[in-house]
Amino acid sequence: MGSSAPLLATWRWIALLGFALVAPAALPAGGAEWRAPELRRRQSSREPLLSPVPQVLRCAPEHQAPVIREAPAGEPLRVLRTWVQPGGERWLQVQLAGAAGSRRGWLAG
C-alpha cells in the first residue's frame, strides 16, 4: 500500500502536464482573439453591407482627412474598393444611399 501513493501522485503529475501541453493547442495564439465586427453582410450577397456602429465618412483614406458626414448605425453601405496603407491599415471606399442622396467616402476598416 505504501508504494501506491507515490505512483498515484506521479500519474497525477503526468496527466496534469499532458493536459497543460495539449489543451492550449485548441486555443488561438495569444488566447481568445478580440476583433470588433466593423461591417456585417446581410443574408443575401446582393444586399448592401450594414455598419453595426456609427462610422465617420472621410474624403480621403487618412485619419486627418476632413469628415464628410457620419454614417449612422444600420445605414446601407456599398463597398466600391479597398485601400491598404503601407502600415497595413485597411480603408474602404463606400457609397452611402441615404435620404440626403448618394455619398461616397472612406471608412477605416
PDB file of N, CA and C in Angstrom:
ATOM      1  N   MET A   1       0.811  -1.188   0.000  1.00  0.00           N
ATOM      2  CA  MET A   1       0.000   0.000   0.000  1.00  0.00           C
ATOM      3  C   MET A   1       0.857   1.255   0.000  1.00  0.00           C
ATOM      4  N   GLY A   2       1.989   1.213   0.643  1.00  0.00           N
ATOM      5  CA  GLY A   2       2.844   2.381   0.754  1.00  0.00           C
ATOM      6  C   GLY A   2       3.406   2.819  -0.584  1.00  0.00           C
ATOM      7  N   SER A   3       3.614   1.899  -1.532  1.00  0.00           N
ATOM      8  CA  SER A   3       4.192   2.263  -2.823  1.00  0.00           C
ATOM      9  C   SER A   3       3.145   2.772  -3.813  1.00  0.00           C
ATOM     10  N   SER A   4       1.859   2.590  -3.545  1.00  0.00           N
ATOM     11  CA  SER A   4       0.830   3.043  -4.486  1.00  0.00           C
ATOM     12  C   SER A   4       0.602   4.557  -4.393  1.00  0.00           C
ATOM     13  N   ALA A   5       0.833   5.172  -3.239  1.00  0.00           N
ATOM     14  CA  ALA A   5       0.627   6.617  -3.088  1.00  0.00           C
ATOM     15  C   ALA A   5       1.603   7.418  -3.961  1.00  0.00           C
ATOM     16  N   PRO A   6       2.917   7.129  -3.946  1.00  0.00           N
ATOM     17  CA  PRO A   6       3.818   7.872  -4.834  1.00  0.00           C
ATOM     18  C   PRO A   6       3.522   7.605  -6.318  1.00  0.00           C
ATOM     19  N   LEU A   7       3.104   6.383  -6.641  1.00  0.00           N
ATOM     20  CA  LEU A   7       2.774   6.051  -8.022  1.00  0.00           C
ATOM     21  C   LEU A   7       1.551   6.846  -8.495  1.00  0.00           C
ATOM     22  N   LEU A   8       0.548   6.987  -7.621  1.00  0.00           N
ATOM     23  CA  LEU A   8      -0.650   7.761  -7.944  1.00  0.00           C
ATOM     24  C   LEU A   8      -0.304   9.246  -8.118  1.00  0.00           C
ATOM     25  N   ALA A   9       0.555   9.766  -7.267  1.00  0.00           N
ATOM     26  CA  ALA A   9       0.975  11.166  -7.379  1.00  0.00           C
ATOM     27  C   ALA A   9       1.744  11.397  -8.682  1.00  0.00           C
ATOM     28  N   THR A  10       2.565  10.442  -9.074  1.00  0.00           N
ATOM     29  CA  THR A  10       3.314  10.547 -10.324  1.00  0.00           C
ATOM     30  C   THR A  10       2.364  10.586 -11.519  1.00  0.00           C
ATOM     31  N   TRP A  11       1.362   9.719 -11.524  1.00  0.00           N
ATOM     32  CA  TRP A  11       0.389   9.688 -12.621  1.00  0.00           C
ATOM     33  C   TRP A  11      -0.439  10.969 -12.677  1.00  0.00           C
ATOM     34  N   ARG A  12      -0.732  11.532 -11.517  1.00  0.00           N
ATOM     35  CA  ARG A  12      -1.467  12.804 -11.499  1.00  0.00           C
ATOM     36  C   ARG A  12      -0.643  13.907 -12.172  1.00  0.00           C
ATOM     37  N   TRP A  13       0.651  13.956 -11.848  1.00  0.00           N
ATOM     38  CA  TRP A  13       1.509  14.975 -12.449  1.00  0.00           C
ATOM     39  C   TRP A  13       1.650  14.765 -13.956  1.00  0.00           C
ATOM     40  N   ILE A  14       1.755  13.531 -14.383  1.00  0.00           N
ATOM     41  CA  ILE A  14       1.855  13.235 -15.814  1.00  0.00           C
ATOM     42  C   ILE A  14       0.575  13.654 -16.533  1.00  0.00           C
ATOM     43  N   ALA A  15      -0.575  13.341 -15.934  1.00  0.00           N
ATOM     44  CA  ALA A  15      -1.857  13.720 -16.541  1.00  0.00           C
ATOM     45  C   ALA A  15      -2.003  15.239 -16.587  1.00  0.00           C
ATOM     46  N   LEU A  16      -1.633  15.921 -15.512  1.00  0.00           N
ATOM     47  CA  LEU A  16      -1.725  17.375 -15.468  1.00  0.00           C
ATOM     48  C   LEU A  16      -0.796  18.012 -16.498  1.00  0.00           C
ATOM     49  N   LEU A  17       0.428  17.516 -16.594  1.00  0.00           N
ATOM     50  CA  LEU A  17       1.382  18.041 -17.566  1.00  0.00           C
ATOM     51  C   LEU A  17       0.910  17.774 -18.997  1.00  0.00           C
ATOM     52  N   GLY A  18       0.374  16.598 -19.248  1.00  0.00           N
ATOM     53  CA  GLY A  18      -0.150  16.275 -20.578  1.00  0.00           C
ATOM     54  C   GLY A  18      -1.300  17.180 -20.967  1.00  0.00           C
ATOM     55  N   PHE A  19      -2.204  17.432 -20.030  1.00  0.00           N
ATOM     56  CA  PHE A  19      -3.326  18.330 -20.300  1.00  0.00           C
ATOM     57  C   PHE A  19      -2.829  19.752 -20.550  1.00  0.00           C
ATOM     58  N   ALA A  20      -1.862  20.196 -19.764  1.00  0.00           N
ATOM     59  CA  ALA A  20      -1.333  21.552 -19.912  1.00  0.00           C
ATOM     60  C   ALA A  20      -0.626  21.741 -21.257  1.00  0.00           C
ATOM     61  N   LEU A  21      -0.067  20.687 -21.807  1.00  0.00           N
ATOM     62  CA  LEU A  21       0.621  20.786 -23.090  1.00  0.00           C
ATOM     63  C   LEU A  21      -0.325  20.653 -24.282  1.00  0.00           C
ATOM     64  N   VAL A  22      -1.408  19.906 -24.140  1.00  0.00           N
ATOM     65  CA  VAL A  22      -2.314  19.648 -25.252  1.00  0.00           C
ATOM     66  C   VAL A  22      -3.459  20.652 -25.310  1.00  0.00           C
ATOM     67  N   ALA A  23      -3.993  21.084 -24.186  1.00  0.00           N
ATOM     68  CA  ALA A  23      -5.168  21.966 -24.155  1.00  0.00           C
ATOM     69  C   ALA A  23      -4.944  23.293 -24.880  1.00  0.00           C
ATOM     70  N   PRO A  24      -3.793  23.962 -24.746  1.00  0.00           N
ATOM     71  CA  PRO A  24      -3.625  25.235 -25.462  1.00  0.00           C
ATOM     72  C   PRO A  24      -3.619  25.100 -26.982  1.00  0.00           C
ATOM     73  N   ALA A  25      -3.431  23.904 -27.513  1.00  0.00           N
ATOM     74  CA  ALA A  25      -3.435  23.723 -28.963  1.00  0.00           C
ATOM     75  C   ALA A  25      -4.810  24.019 -29.554  1.00  0.00           C
ATOM     76  N   ALA A  26      -5.856  23.913 -28.753  1.00  0.00           N
ATOM     77  CA  ALA A  26      -7.207  24.191 -29.230  1.00  0.00           C
ATOM     78  C   ALA A  26      -7.542  25.675 -29.179  1.00  0.00           C
ATOM     79  N   LEU A  27      -6.710  26.476 -28.541  1.00  0.00           N
ATOM     80  CA  LEU A  27      -6.965  27.909 -28.415  1.00  0.00           C
ATOM     81  C   LEU A  27      -6.184  28.684 -29.473  1.00  0.00           C
ATOM     82  N   PRO A  28      -6.680  29.860 -29.887  1.00  0.00           N
ATOM     83  CA  PRO A  28      -5.891  30.675 -30.814  1.00  0.00           C
ATOM     84  C   PRO A  28      -4.651  31.225 -30.129  1.00  0.00           C
ATOM     85  N   ALA A  29      -3.650  31.568 -30.906  1.00  0.00           N
ATOM     86  CA  ALA A  29      -2.410  32.099 -30.344  1.00  0.00           C
ATOM     87  C   ALA A  29      -2.697  33.366 -29.555  1.00  0.00           C
ATOM     88  N   GLY A  30      -2.182  33.450 -28.368  1.00  0.00           N
ATOM     89  CA  GLY A  30      -2.387  34.629 -27.534  1.00  0.00           C
ATOM     90  C   GLY A  30      -3.716  34.637 -26.817  1.00  0.00           C
ATOM     91  N   GLY A  31      -4.403  33.507 -26.769  1.00  0.00           N
ATOM     92  CA  GLY A  31      -5.709  33.467 -26.105  1.00  0.00           C
ATOM     93  C   GLY A  31      -6.816  33.808 -27.080  1.00  0.00           C
ATOM     94  N   ALA A  32      -7.944  34.171 -26.545  1.00  0.00           N
ATOM     95  CA  ALA A  32      -9.092  34.496 -27.386  1.00  0.00           C
ATOM     96  C   ALA A  32      -8.799  35.742 -28.213  1.00  0.00           C
ATOM     97  N   GLU A  33      -9.158  35.692 -29.458  1.00  0.00           N
ATOM     98  CA  GLU A  33      -8.893  36.809 -30.362  1.00  0.00           C
ATOM     99  C   GLU A  33     -10.077  37.769 -30.325  1.00  0.00           C
ATOM    100  N   TRP A  34      -9.811  39.041 -30.017  1.00  0.00           N
ATOM    101  CA  TRP A  34     -10.869  40.041 -29.946  1.00  0.00           C
ATOM    102  C   TRP A  34     -10.792  40.907 -31.176  1.00  0.00           C
ATOM    103  N   ARG A  35     -11.872  40.927 -31.910  1.00  0.00           N
ATOM    104  CA  ARG A  35     -11.941  41.788 -33.084  1.00  0.00           C
ATOM    105  C   ARG A  35     -13.381  42.245 -33.240  1.00  0.00           C
ATOM    106  N   ALA A  36     -13.577  43.519 -33.142  1.00  0.00           N
ATOM    107  CA  ALA A  36     -14.923  44.063 -33.274  1.00  0.00           C
ATOM    108  C   ALA A  36     -15.361  43.980 -34.732  1.00  0.00           C
ATOM    109  N   PRO A  37     -16.542  43.479 -34.973  1.00  0.00           N
ATOM    110  CA  PRO A  37     -17.005  43.437 -36.363  1.00  0.00           C
ATOM    111  C   PRO A  37     -17.288  44.842 -36.875  1.00  0.00           C
ATOM    112  N   GLU A  38     -16.616  45.232 -37.953  1.00  0.00           N
ATOM    113  CA  GLU A  38     -16.806  46.571 -38.495  1.00  0.00           C
ATOM    114  C   GLU A  38     -18.024  46.618 -39.398  1.00  0.00           C
ATOM    115  N   LEU A  39     -18.135  45.625 -40.267  1.00  0.00           N
ATOM    116  CA  LEU A  39     -19.253  45.561 -41.182  1.00  0.00           C
ATOM    117  C   LEU A  39     -19.791  44.143 -41.190  1.00  0.00           C
ATOM    118  N   ARG A  40     -21.081  44.031 -41.278  1.00  0.00           N
ATOM    119  CA  ARG A  40     -21.692  42.706 -41.345  1.00  0.00           C
ATOM    120  C   ARG A  40     -22.501  42.596 -42.629  1.00  0.00           C
ATOM    121  N   ARG A  41     -22.360  41.481 -43.295  1.00  0.00           N
ATOM    122  CA  ARG A  41     -23.086  41.249 -44.533  1.00  0.00           C
ATOM    123  C   ARG A  41     -24.472  40.703 -44.197  1.00  0.00           C
ATOM    124  N   ARG A  42     -25.454  41.162 -44.928  1.00  0.00           N
ATOM    125  CA  ARG A  42     -26.818  40.696 -44.719  1.00  0.00           C
ATOM    126  C   ARG A  42     -26.986  39.310 -45.321  1.00  0.00           C
ATOM    127  N   GLN A  43     -28.173  38.778 -45.303  1.00  0.00           N
ATOM    128  CA  GLN A  43     -28.431  37.402 -45.732  1.00  0.00           C
ATOM    129  C   GLN A  43     -28.044  37.146 -47.189  1.00  0.00           C
ATOM    130  N   SER A  44     -28.393  38.034 -48.071  1.00  0.00           N
ATOM    131  CA  SER A  44     -28.109  37.854 -49.487  1.00  0.00           C
ATOM    132  C   SER A  44     -26.855  38.642 -49.865  1.00  0.00           C
ATOM    133  N   SER A  45     -26.073  38.109 -50.782  1.00  0.00           N
ATOM    134  CA  SER A  45     -24.860  38.825 -51.197  1.00  0.00           C
ATOM    135  C   SER A  45     -25.195  40.059 -52.033  1.00  0.00           C
ATOM    136  N   ARG A  46     -26.419  40.149 -52.538  1.00  0.00           N
ATOM    137  CA  ARG A  46     -26.819  41.318 -53.323  1.00  0.00           C
ATOM    138  C   ARG A  46     -27.229  42.488 -52.443  1.00  0.00           C
ATOM    139  N   GLU A  47     -27.548  42.218 -51.209  1.00  0.00           N
ATOM    140  CA  GLU A  47     -27.959  43.287 -50.309  1.00  0.00           C
ATOM    141  C   GLU A  47     -26.728  44.051 -49.832  1.00  0.00           C
ATOM    142  N   PRO A  48     -26.886  45.316 -49.484  1.00  0.00           N
ATOM    143  CA  PRO A  48     -25.727  46.121 -49.064  1.00  0.00           C
ATOM    144  C   PRO A  48     -25.210  45.715 -47.690  1.00  0.00           C
ATOM    145  N   LEU A  49     -24.009  46.169 -47.383  1.00  0.00           N
ATOM    146  CA  LEU A  49     -23.438  45.956 -46.057  1.00  0.00           C
ATOM    147  C   LEU A  49     -24.069  46.935 -45.083  1.00  0.00           C
ATOM    148  N   LEU A  50     -24.128  46.528 -43.820  1.00  0.00           N
ATOM    149  CA  LEU A  50     -24.655  47.388 -42.770  1.00  0.00           C
ATOM    150  C   LEU A  50     -23.596  47.555 -41.701  1.00  0.00           C
ATOM    151  N   SER A  51     -23.421  48.748 -41.208  1.00  0.00           N
ATOM    152  CA  SER A  51     -22.483  49.011 -40.125  1.00  0.00           C
ATOM    153  C   SER A  51     -23.230  48.897 -38.801  1.00  0.00           C
ATOM    154  N   PRO A  52     -22.731  48.090 -37.851  1.00  0.00           N
ATOM    155  CA  PRO A  52     -23.425  47.950 -36.565  1.00  0.00           C
ATOM    156  C   PRO A  52     -23.221  49.149 -35.640  1.00  0.00           C
ATOM    157  N   VAL A  53     -22.251  49.996 -35.944  1.00  0.00           N
ATOM    158  CA  VAL A  53     -21.964  51.172 -35.115  1.00  0.00           C
ATOM    159  C   VAL A  53     -21.849  52.392 -36.026  1.00  0.00           C
ATOM    160  N   PRO A  54     -22.049  53.591 -35.496  1.00  0.00           N
ATOM    161  CA  PRO A  54     -21.854  54.787 -36.333  1.00  0.00           C
ATOM    162  C   PRO A  54     -20.409  54.870 -36.836  1.00  0.00           C
ATOM    163  N   GLN A  55     -20.249  55.266 -38.077  1.00  0.00           N
ATOM    164  CA  GLN A  55     -18.934  55.384 -38.702  1.00  0.00           C
ATOM    165  C   GLN A  55     -18.761  56.803 -39.229  1.00  0.00           C
ATOM    166  N   VAL A  56     -17.513  57.266 -39.282  1.00  0.00           N
ATOM    167  CA  VAL A  56     -17.205  58.592 -39.816  1.00  0.00           C
ATOM    168  C   VAL A  56     -16.755  58.433 -41.262  1.00  0.00           C
ATOM    169  N   LEU A  57     -17.428  59.104 -42.165  1.00  0.00           N
ATOM    170  CA  LEU A  57     -17.114  59.067 -43.585  1.00  0.00           C
ATOM    171  C   LEU A  57     -16.154  60.215 -43.897  1.00  0.00           C
ATOM    172  N   ARG A  58     -14.951  59.871 -44.406  1.00  0.00           N
ATOM    173  CA  ARG A  58     -13.919  60.878 -44.679  1.00  0.00           C
ATOM    174  C   ARG A  58     -13.726  61.043 -46.184  1.00  0.00           C
ATOM    175  N   CYS A  59     -13.160  62.179 -46.579  1.00  0.00           N
ATOM    176  CA  CYS A  59     -12.975  62.451 -48.006  1.00  0.00           C
ATOM    177  C   CYS A  59     -11.711  61.796 -48.572  1.00  0.00           C
ATOM    178  N   ALA A  60     -10.829  61.273 -47.732  1.00  0.00           N
ATOM    179  CA  ALA A  60      -9.611  60.593 -48.174  1.00  0.00           C
ATOM    180  C   ALA A  60      -9.288  59.486 -47.166  1.00  0.00           C
ATOM    181  N   PRO A  61      -8.502  58.482 -47.559  1.00  0.00           N
ATOM    182  CA  PRO A  61      -8.172  57.390 -46.643  1.00  0.00           C
ATOM    183  C   PRO A  61      -7.073  57.759 -45.639  1.00  0.00           C
ATOM    184  N   GLU A  62      -7.340  58.765 -44.832  1.00  0.00           N
ATOM    185  CA  GLU A  62      -6.425  59.221 -43.784  1.00  0.00           C
ATOM    186  C   GLU A  62      -7.244  59.677 -42.594  1.00  0.00           C
ATOM    187  N   HIS A  63      -6.719  59.464 -41.390  1.00  0.00           N
ATOM    188  CA  HIS A  63      -7.434  59.894 -40.185  1.00  0.00           C
ATOM    189  C   HIS A  63      -7.485  61.419 -40.067  1.00  0.00           C
ATOM    190  N   GLN A  64      -6.557  62.120 -40.710  1.00  0.00           N
ATOM    191  CA  GLN A  64      -6.535  63.579 -40.658  1.00  0.00           C
ATOM    192  C   GLN A  64      -7.446  64.202 -41.715  1.00  0.00           C
ATOM    193  N   ALA A  65      -7.982  63.402 -42.624  1.00  0.00           N
ATOM    194  CA  ALA A  65      -8.823  63.926 -43.706  1.00  0.00           C
ATOM    195  C   ALA A  65     -10.121  64.493 -43.142  1.00  0.00           C
ATOM    196  N   PRO A  66     -10.646  65.527 -43.785  1.00  0.00           N
ATOM    197  CA  PRO A  66     -11.903  66.122 -43.312  1.00  0.00           C
ATOM    198  C   PRO A  66     -13.058  65.121 -43.343  1.00  0.00           C
ATOM    199  N   VAL A  67     -13.948  65.275 -42.383  1.00  0.00           N
ATOM    200  CA  VAL A  67     -15.123  64.409 -42.283  1.00  0.00           C
ATOM    201  C   VAL A  67     -16.201  64.926 -43.228  1.00  0.00           C
ATOM    202  N   ILE A  68     -16.724  64.041 -44.059  1.00  0.00           N
ATOM    203  CA  ILE A  68     -17.829  64.402 -44.950  1.00  0.00           C
ATOM    204  C   ILE A  68     -19.130  64.391 -44.157  1.00  0.00           C
ATOM    205  N   ARG A  69     -19.359  63.279 -43.479  1.00  0.00           N
ATOM    206  CA  ARG A  69     -20.532  63.148 -42.614  1.00  0.00           C
ATOM    207  C   ARG A  69     -20.401  61.881 -41.791  1.00  0.00           C
ATOM    208  N   GLU A  70     -21.289  61.692 -40.835  1.00  0.00           N
ATOM    209  CA  GLU A  70     -21.301  60.490 -40.019  1.00  0.00           C
ATOM    210  C   GLU A  70     -22.379  59.563 -40.552  1.00  0.00           C
ATOM    211  N   ALA A  71     -22.000  58.312 -40.763  1.00  0.00           N
ATOM    212  CA  ALA A  71     -22.955  57.304 -41.216  1.00  0.00           C
ATOM    213  C   ALA A  71     -23.534  56.630 -39.976  1.00  0.00           C
ATOM    214  N   PRO A  72     -24.825  56.772 -39.726  1.00  0.00           N
ATOM    215  CA  PRO A  72     -25.408  56.156 -38.534  1.00  0.00           C
ATOM    216  C   PRO A  72     -25.402  54.631 -38.627  1.00  0.00           C
ATOM    217  N   ALA A  73     -25.534  53.981 -37.486  1.00  0.00           N
ATOM    218  CA  ALA A  73     -25.577  52.516 -37.444  1.00  0.00           C
ATOM    219  C   ALA A  73     -26.770  52.025 -38.254  1.00  0.00           C
ATOM    220  N   GLY A  74     -26.559  50.991 -39.033  1.00  0.00           N
ATOM    221  CA  GLY A  74     -27.632  50.392 -39.811  1.00  0.00           C
ATOM    222  C   GLY A  74     -27.854  51.006 -41.179  1.00  0.00           C
ATOM    223  N   GLU A  75     -27.092  52.035 -41.538  1.00  0.00           N
ATOM    224  CA  GLU A  75     -27.262  52.642 -42.862  1.00  0.00           C
ATOM    225  C   GLU A  75     -26.614  51.746 -43.914  1.00  0.00           C
ATOM    226  N   PRO A  76     -27.293  51.490 -45.028  1.00  0.00           N
ATOM    227  CA  PRO A  76     -26.734  50.620 -46.067  1.00  0.00           C
ATOM    228  C   PRO A  76     -25.482  51.230 -46.701  1.00  0.00           C
ATOM    229  N   LEU A  77     -24.465  50.392 -46.876  1.00  0.00           N
ATOM    230  CA  LEU A  77     -23.198  50.801 -47.484  1.00  0.00           C
ATOM    231  C   LEU A  77     -22.902  49.887 -48.667  1.00  0.00           C
ATOM    232  N   ARG A  78     -22.349  50.447 -49.711  1.00  0.00           N
ATOM    233  CA  ARG A  78     -21.876  49.637 -50.831  1.00  0.00           C
ATOM    234  C   ARG A  78     -20.383  49.882 -50.962  1.00  0.00           C
ATOM    235  N   VAL A  79     -19.581  48.821 -50.830  1.00  0.00           N
ATOM    236  CA  VAL A  79     -18.124  48.942 -50.913  1.00  0.00           C
ATOM    237  C   VAL A  79     -17.724  49.053 -52.379  1.00  0.00           C
ATOM    238  N   LEU A  80     -17.007  50.121 -52.693  1.00  0.00           N
ATOM    239  CA  LEU A  80     -16.543  50.349 -54.060  1.00  0.00           C
ATOM    240  C   LEU A  80     -15.146  49.774 -54.276  1.00  0.00           C
ATOM    241  N   ARG A  81     -14.265  49.969 -53.286  1.00  0.00           N
ATOM    242  CA  ARG A  81     -12.914  49.403 -53.352  1.00  0.00           C
ATOM    243  C   ARG A  81     -12.276  49.467 -51.976  1.00  0.00           C
ATOM    244  N   THR A  82     -11.136  48.787 -51.841  1.00  0.00           N
ATOM    245  CA  THR A  82     -10.387  48.808 -50.583  1.00  0.00           C
ATOM    246  C   THR A  82      -9.011  49.392 -50.846  1.00  0.00           C
ATOM    247  N   TRP A  83      -8.415  49.918 -49.799  1.00  0.00           N
ATOM    248  CA  TRP A  83      -7.079  50.508 -49.870  1.00  0.00           C
ATOM    249  C   TRP A  83      -6.329  50.086 -48.619  1.00  0.00           C
ATOM    250  N   VAL A  84      -5.131  49.562 -48.791  1.00  0.00           N
ATOM    251  CA  VAL A  84      -4.292  49.183 -47.659  1.00  0.00           C
ATOM    252  C   VAL A  84      -3.091  50.115 -47.647  1.00  0.00           C
ATOM    253  N   GLN A  85      -2.934  50.835 -46.541  1.00  0.00           N
ATOM    254  CA  GLN A  85      -1.810  51.752 -46.409  1.00  0.00           C
ATOM    255  C   GLN A  85      -0.526  50.968 -46.174  1.00  0.00           C
ATOM    256  N   PRO A  86       0.640  51.581 -46.409  1.00  0.00           N
ATOM    257  CA  PRO A  86       1.909  50.880 -46.185  1.00  0.00           C
ATOM    258  C   PRO A  86       2.050  50.326 -44.767  1.00  0.00           C
ATOM    259  N   GLY A  87       1.422  50.955 -43.781  1.00  0.00           N
ATOM    260  CA  GLY A  87       1.477  50.464 -42.406  1.00  0.00           C
ATOM    261  C   GLY A  87       0.559  49.283 -42.149  1.00  0.00           C
ATOM    262  N   GLY A  88      -0.261  48.917 -43.142  1.00  0.00           N
ATOM    263  CA  GLY A  88      -1.148  47.771 -43.011  1.00  0.00           C
ATOM    264  C   GLY A  88      -2.585  48.119 -42.659  1.00  0.00           C
ATOM    265  N   GLU A  89      -2.876  49.394 -42.427  1.00  0.00           N
ATOM    266  CA  GLU A  89      -4.250  49.776 -42.096  1.00  0.00           C
ATOM    267  C   GLU A  89      -5.114  49.732 -43.352  1.00  0.00           C
ATOM    268  N   ARG A  90      -6.315  49.161 -43.212  1.00  0.00           N
ATOM    269  CA  ARG A  90      -7.217  48.991 -44.348  1.00  0.00           C
ATOM    270  C   ARG A  90      -8.302  50.065 -44.335  1.00  0.00           C
ATOM    271  N   TRP A  91      -8.598  50.599 -45.504  1.00  0.00           N
ATOM    272  CA  TRP A  91      -9.660  51.587 -45.686  1.00  0.00           C
ATOM    273  C   TRP A  91     -10.615  51.074 -46.745  1.00  0.00           C
ATOM    274  N   LEU A  92     -11.891  51.419 -46.603  1.00  0.00           N
ATOM    275  CA  LEU A  92     -12.913  51.038 -47.563  1.00  0.00           C
ATOM    276  C   LEU A  92     -13.516  52.293 -48.179  1.00  0.00           C
ATOM    277  N   GLN A  93     -13.546  52.346 -49.498  1.00  0.00           N
ATOM    278  CA  GLN A  93     -14.283  53.428 -50.148  1.00  0.00           C
ATOM    279  C   GLN A  93     -15.703  52.914 -50.328  1.00  0.00           C
ATOM    280  N   VAL A  94     -16.656  53.642 -49.758  1.00  0.00           N
ATOM    281  CA  VAL A  94     -18.041  53.188 -49.757  1.00  0.00           C
ATOM    282  C   VAL A  94     -18.948  54.248 -50.364  1.00  0.00           C
ATOM    283  N   GLN A  95     -20.112  53.800 -50.727  1.00  0.00           N
ATOM    284  CA  GLN A  95     -21.155  54.696 -51.199  1.00  0.00           C
ATOM    285  C   GLN A  95     -22.348  54.511 -50.273  1.00  0.00           C
ATOM    286  N   LEU A  96     -22.823  55.614 -49.711  1.00  0.00           N
ATOM    287  CA  LEU A  96     -23.995  55.605 -48.842  1.00  0.00           C
ATOM    288  C   LEU A  96     -25.199  56.020 -49.672  1.00  0.00           C
ATOM    289  N   ALA A  97     -26.284  55.309 -49.507  1.00  0.00           N
ATOM    290  CA  ALA A  97     -27.524  55.674 -50.188  1.00  0.00           C
ATOM    291  C   ALA A  97     -28.525  56.052 -49.115  1.00  0.00           C
ATOM    292  N   GLY A  98     -28.571  57.321 -48.785  1.00  0.00           N
ATOM    293  CA  GLY A  98     -29.474  57.788 -47.744  1.00  0.00           C
ATOM    294  C   GLY A  98     -30.486  58.773 -48.285  1.00  0.00           C
ATOM    295  N   ALA A  99     -31.245  59.359 -47.365  1.00  0.00           N
ATOM    296  CA  ALA A  99     -32.263  60.334 -47.748  1.00  0.00           C
ATOM    297  C   ALA A  99     -31.634  61.589 -48.346  1.00  0.00           C
ATOM    298  N   ALA A 100     -30.397  61.892 -47.953  1.00  0.00           N
ATOM    299  CA  ALA A 100     -29.717  63.095 -48.450  1.00  0.00           C
ATOM    300  C   ALA A 100     -29.054  62.854 -49.804  1.00  0.00           C
ATOM    301  N   GLY A 101     -29.327  61.722 -50.425  1.00  0.00           N
ATOM    302  CA  GLY A 101     -28.718  61.413 -51.712  1.00  0.00           C
ATOM    303  C   GLY A 101     -27.530  60.482 -51.550  1.00  0.00           C
ATOM    304  N   SER A 102     -26.975  60.076 -52.664  1.00  0.00           N
ATOM    305  CA  SER A 102     -25.845  59.160 -52.660  1.00  0.00           C
ATOM    306  C   SER A 102     -24.565  59.917 -52.319  1.00  0.00           C
ATOM    307  N   ARG A 103     -23.758  59.357 -51.407  1.00  0.00           N
ATOM    308  CA  ARG A 103     -22.498  59.978 -50.975  1.00  0.00           C
ATOM    309  C   ARG A 103     -21.388  58.941 -51.011  1.00  0.00           C
ATOM    310  N   ARG A 104     -20.212  59.338 -51.490  1.00  0.00           N
ATOM    311  CA  ARG A 104     -19.035  58.467 -51.470  1.00  0.00           C
ATOM    312  C   ARG A 104     -18.037  59.009 -50.475  1.00  0.00           C
ATOM    313  N   GLY A 105     -17.293  58.089 -49.853  1.00  0.00           N
ATOM    314  CA  GLY A 105     -16.265  58.489 -48.915  1.00  0.00           C
ATOM    315  C   GLY A 105     -15.497  57.278 -48.419  1.00  0.00           C
ATOM    316  N   TRP A 106     -14.613  57.510 -47.460  1.00  0.00           N
ATOM    317  CA  TRP A 106     -13.719  56.470 -46.948  1.00  0.00           C
ATOM    318  C   TRP A 106     -14.023  56.167 -45.491  1.00  0.00           C
ATOM    319  N   LEU A 107     -14.017  54.864 -45.164  1.00  0.00           N
ATOM    320  CA  LEU A 107     -14.187  54.391 -43.794  1.00  0.00           C
ATOM    321  C   LEU A 107     -12.952  53.603 -43.399  1.00  0.00           C
ATOM    322  N   ALA A 108     -12.488  53.803 -42.174  1.00  0.00           N
ATOM    323  CA  ALA A 108     -11.386  52.980 -41.664  1.00  0.00           C
ATOM    324  C   ALA A 108     -11.935  51.589 -41.429  1.00  0.00           C
ATOM    325  N   GLY A 109     -11.279  50.597 -42.000  1.00  0.00           N
ATOM    326  CA  GLY A 109     -11.798  49.239 -41.887  1.00  0.00           C
ATOM    327  C   GLY A 109     -10.869  48.361 -41.152  1.00  0.00           C
TER     328      GLY A 109
END
